[in-house]
Amino acid sequence: SGWISRNDSGIKRTLNLGDVLKMSDKVLVMLGNRVQLALDHQCKNMIQVEEGSSFTLSSVSPVRISLERGKIFSLLDDLPSESRFTVETPTAVVVLLGTQCQINTNGVESNILVYRGLVEVRGRTLDGDVTEAVFLTAGSKTSVTEAGQAPKSAVKMNDKENQEIAAVLENAENTRQTLEPAQVQSWISEKPSSSASRNDPASESSDEKIKSGKRLVVLL
């Protein structure tokens, strides 16, 4: 499915079902595979990462993913109102406000497509500064073609783009049917190791993380 590189060990290993990601973990999804991540035991909030993608979990609380290259689908259908989920690419900062969307990048150009909900998109410079925001609603898309550029004005997605989410939703539903919520909860509620606490300054108790949806568990 994919490889995970953990800074505190310096070792790259295969991702396994039930792995809990922690801050600074870097994941590479192998060709011909995909990786699913869940934020809650009922899998109402999921992320699907497509083949060839590379990302780093930059922050756990709030969740912030740095997508260096590849494609991510978000299925965030039941985020707590206080939660914030952000995806950064080399040229864009995307804030997901409880939504279904796609974010893809080749390492320079970033494309954001929204199937449901509301998304805030800003361009970013190589130094991390951001531009003014463009807000996307269902059925719209934008792109950022280079660092420091503001997102283009929102335009409508075409039929082919609109249909891309169907297979992702089917995969998510198959996962929900296959995994028992109690099993997923046992992974999410597993107490982090001491090294995880050292690497994550925002480390919280297991119960707090379950309530607020701030742990990412690998479902494959």
Protein backbone atom coordinates (compact mmCIF):
# COMPACT_ATOMS: atom_id res chain seq x y z
CA SER A 1 0.00 0.00 0.00
CA GLY A 2 2.58 2.54 1.06
CA TRP A 3 5.71 3.38 3.03
CA ILE A 4 5.98 5.43 6.18
CA SER A 5 9.08 7.24 7.34
CA ARG A 6 9.16 8.29 10.99
CA ASN A 7 11.57 11.02 12.06
CA ASP A 8 12.19 9.69 15.56
CA SER A 9 13.44 6.34 14.21
CA GLY A 10 14.81 7.22 10.78
CA ILE A 11 13.43 3.91 9.51
CA LYS A 12 11.14 3.47 6.49
CA ARG A 13 8.62 0.64 6.77
CA THR A 14 5.42 -0.61 5.19
CA LEU A 15 2.13 0.94 6.29
CA ASN A 16 -0.12 -1.51 8.12
CA LEU A 17 -3.83 -1.65 8.84
CA GLY A 18 -4.50 0.12 12.14
CA ASP A 19 -1.34 2.25 12.14
CA VAL A 20 -1.89 5.63 13.82
CA LEU A 21 -0.02 8.48 12.16
CA LYS A 22 1.74 11.06 14.29
CA MET A 23 3.25 14.44 13.64
CA SER A 24 6.13 14.52 11.11
CA ASP A 25 5.28 11.08 9.68
CA LYS A 26 5.94 11.02 5.93
CA VAL A 27 3.92 8.62 3.75
CA LEU A 28 4.57 7.51 0.18
CA VAL A 29 1.77 5.60 -1.57
CA MET A 30 3.13 3.00 -3.95
CA LEU A 31 2.00 2.75 -7.58
CA GLY A 32 -1.09 0.60 -8.05
CA ASN A 33 -2.22 1.24 -4.47
CA ARG A 34 -4.17 3.73 -2.40
CA VAL A 35 -4.32 4.53 1.29
CA GLN A 36 -7.43 5.38 3.31
CA LEU A 37 -7.23 7.29 6.58
CA ALA A 38 -9.99 7.75 9.16
CA LEU A 39 -10.44 10.41 11.84
CA ASP A 40 -13.22 8.68 13.76
CA HIS A 41 -14.28 5.15 14.64
CA GLN A 42 -17.38 5.23 12.40
CA CYS A 43 -15.29 6.36 9.43
CA LYS A 44 -17.54 9.34 8.79
CA ASN A 45 -14.46 11.48 8.20
CA MET A 46 -12.00 9.86 5.82
CA ILE A 47 -9.15 10.76 3.47
CA GLN A 48 -8.23 8.69 0.42
CA VAL A 49 -4.68 9.17 -0.90
CA GLU A 50 -4.04 8.01 -4.44
CA GLU A 51 -1.09 6.09 -5.90
CA GLY A 52 2.21 7.91 -6.29
CA SER A 53 1.30 10.50 -3.67
CA SER A 54 3.70 11.74 -1.03
CA PHE A 55 2.57 13.63 2.06
CA THR A 56 3.68 14.58 5.57
CA LEU A 57 1.46 14.92 8.63
CA SER A 58 2.64 18.38 9.65
CA SER A 59 0.29 18.78 12.60
CA VAL A 60 -2.14 16.61 14.54
CA SER A 61 -4.08 19.29 16.41
CA PRO A 62 -5.32 20.90 14.25
CA VAL A 63 -4.85 18.40 11.42
CA ARG A 64 -2.50 19.73 8.74
CA ILE A 65 -1.24 17.63 5.84
CA SER A 66 1.56 18.71 3.51
CA LEU A 67 0.93 17.13 0.11
CA GLU A 68 4.24 17.26 -1.75
CA ARG A 69 2.93 15.45 -4.82
CA GLY A 70 -0.13 13.42 -5.82
CA LYS A 71 -3.86 13.41 -5.17
CA ILE A 72 -6.02 13.41 -2.05
CA PHE A 73 -9.80 13.02 -1.77
CA SER A 74 -11.44 14.27 1.43
CA LEU A 75 -14.72 12.84 2.73
CA LEU A 76 -15.24 14.96 5.83
CA ASP A 77 -18.94 14.50 6.49
CA ASP A 78 -19.10 14.94 10.26
CA LEU A 79 -16.26 17.15 11.48
CA PRO A 80 -16.84 18.79 14.89
CA SER A 81 -17.62 22.49 14.43
CA GLU A 82 -14.39 23.52 16.16
CA SER A 83 -12.20 21.26 14.00
CA ARG A 84 -9.95 22.58 11.25
CA PHE A 85 -8.47 20.39 8.51
CA THR A 86 -5.85 21.93 6.25
CA VAL A 87 -3.98 20.55 3.24
CA GLU A 88 -0.89 22.41 2.02
CA THR A 89 0.73 21.88 -1.37
CA PRO A 90 3.92 23.59 -2.59
CA THR A 91 1.78 26.41 -4.03
CA ALA A 92 -1.56 26.40 -2.16
CA VAL A 93 -3.16 26.28 1.28
CA VAL A 94 -6.58 24.58 1.34
CA VAL A 95 -8.84 24.73 4.40
CA LEU A 96 -11.55 22.06 4.37
CA LEU A 97 -14.65 23.19 6.21
CA GLY A 98 -16.38 19.81 6.39
CA THR A 99 -16.57 18.81 2.77
CA GLN A 100 -15.95 16.40 -0.10
CA CYS A 101 -13.18 17.58 -2.37
CA GLN A 102 -10.10 16.64 -4.40
CA ILE A 103 -6.68 18.25 -4.11
CA ASN A 104 -3.93 17.31 -6.54
CA THR A 105 -0.48 18.67 -7.31
CA ASN A 106 2.48 17.76 -9.51
CA GLY A 107 4.78 19.56 -7.10
CA VAL A 108 4.11 22.97 -8.65
CA GLU A 109 0.60 23.40 -10.02
CA SER A 110 -2.23 22.71 -7.56
CA ASN A 111 -5.84 21.90 -8.48
CA ILE A 112 -8.77 21.93 -6.07
CA LEU A 113 -12.20 20.51 -6.96
CA VAL A 114 -15.19 20.61 -4.61
CA TYR A 115 -18.00 18.06 -4.71
CA ARG A 116 -19.83 19.11 -1.55
CA GLY A 117 -19.45 21.76 1.13
CA LEU A 118 -17.15 24.78 1.32
CA VAL A 119 -13.40 25.10 0.77
CA GLU A 120 -11.07 28.05 1.31
CA VAL A 121 -8.08 28.23 -1.05
CA ARG A 122 -5.08 30.56 -0.88
CA GLY A 123 -1.90 30.66 -2.91
CA ARG A 124 1.38 30.45 -1.01
CA THR A 125 4.92 31.60 -1.58
CA LEU A 126 8.05 29.53 -1.10
CA ASP A 127 8.46 31.34 2.24
CA GLY A 128 4.99 30.29 3.39
CA ASP A 129 3.19 33.63 2.98
CA VAL A 130 -0.35 33.41 1.60
CA THR A 131 -2.48 35.34 -0.88
CA GLU A 132 -6.10 36.43 -0.64
CA ALA A 133 -8.60 33.58 -0.49
CA VAL A 134 -10.95 32.11 -3.06
CA PHE A 135 -13.95 30.22 -1.66
CA LEU A 136 -15.25 27.19 -3.55
CA THR A 137 -18.71 25.65 -3.26
CA ALA A 138 -20.05 22.36 -4.63
CA GLY A 139 -19.40 21.84 -8.34
CA SER A 140 -16.61 24.41 -8.62
CA LYS A 141 -12.83 24.29 -8.97
CA THR A 142 -9.74 26.47 -9.01
CA SER A 143 -6.01 26.14 -9.56
CA VAL A 144 -2.74 27.75 -8.54
CA THR A 145 -0.09 27.40 -11.23
CA GLU A 146 3.01 28.70 -9.42
CA ALA A 147 4.29 29.80 -6.03
CA GLY A 148 3.08 33.23 -4.92
CA GLN A 149 0.15 33.27 -7.36
CA ALA A 150 -3.39 33.81 -6.10
CA PRO A 151 -5.92 31.09 -6.94
CA LYS A 152 -7.76 31.55 -10.21
CA SER A 153 -11.41 32.56 -10.10
CA ALA A 154 -13.72 29.62 -9.45
CA VAL A 155 -15.21 27.86 -12.49
CA LYS A 156 -17.62 24.94 -12.87
CA MET A 157 -16.32 21.39 -13.03
CA ASN A 158 -17.09 19.33 -16.12
CA ASP A 159 -19.07 16.08 -16.08
CA LYS A 160 -15.97 13.87 -16.03
CA GLU A 161 -14.56 15.73 -13.04
CA ASN A 162 -17.88 15.52 -11.21
CA GLN A 163 -17.97 11.75 -11.67
CA GLU A 164 -14.50 11.15 -10.18
CA ILE A 165 -15.86 11.16 -6.63
CA ALA A 166 -18.22 8.22 -7.26
CA ALA A 167 -15.54 5.53 -7.02
CA VAL A 168 -14.05 7.19 -3.92
CA LEU A 169 -17.43 7.19 -2.17
CA GLU A 170 -17.91 3.52 -3.10
CA ASN A 171 -14.48 2.64 -1.67
CA ALA A 172 -15.31 4.48 1.55
CA GLU A 173 -18.63 2.70 1.92
CA ASN A 174 -16.98 -0.69 1.31
CA THR A 175 -14.50 0.12 4.07
CA ARG A 176 -17.28 1.06 6.50
CA GLN A 177 -19.04 -2.22 5.76
CA THR A 178 -15.87 -4.26 6.20
CA LEU A 179 -14.47 -2.81 9.43
CA GLU A 180 -16.19 -2.96 12.81
CA PRO A 181 -16.43 0.49 14.48
CA ALA A 182 -15.19 -1.06 17.74
CA GLN A 183 -12.02 -2.22 15.98
CA VAL A 184 -11.35 1.21 14.48
CA GLN A 185 -12.00 2.84 17.85
CA SER A 186 -9.47 0.54 19.50
CA TRP A 187 -6.83 1.77 17.04
CA ILE A 188 -7.77 5.43 17.45
CA SER A 189 -7.86 5.26 21.25
CA GLU A 190 -4.51 3.47 21.52
CA LYS A 191 -2.32 5.58 23.78
CA PRO A 192 0.53 7.28 21.91
CA SER A 193 4.07 6.25 22.75
CA SER A 194 6.37 8.52 24.70
CA SER A 195 8.17 9.37 21.47
CA ALA A 196 4.87 10.47 19.93
CA SER A 197 4.27 12.79 22.87
CA ARG A 198 7.71 14.31 22.48
CA ASN A 199 7.19 14.91 18.77
CA ASP A 200 3.70 16.36 19.15
CA PRO A 201 3.55 19.45 21.37
CA ALA A 202 -0.24 19.46 21.02
CA SER A 203 -0.53 15.91 22.38
CA GLU A 204 -3.88 15.30 24.08
CA SER A 205 -5.49 12.45 25.97
CA SER A 206 -6.96 9.62 23.90
CA ASP A 207 -10.54 10.53 24.83
CA GLU A 208 -10.04 14.14 23.74
CA LYS A 209 -8.63 13.05 20.40
CA ILE A 210 -11.57 10.71 19.74
CA LYS A 211 -14.12 13.43 20.50
CA SER A 212 -12.44 16.03 18.34
CA GLY A 213 -11.38 13.73 15.50
CA LYS A 214 -7.68 14.54 15.68
CA ARG A 215 -6.02 11.18 15.09
CA LEU A 216 -5.49 9.62 11.68
CA VAL A 217 -5.64 5.83 11.54
CA VAL A 218 -4.66 3.83 8.44
CA LEU A 219 -7.44 1.69 6.92
CA LEU A 220 -5.71 0.83 3.58
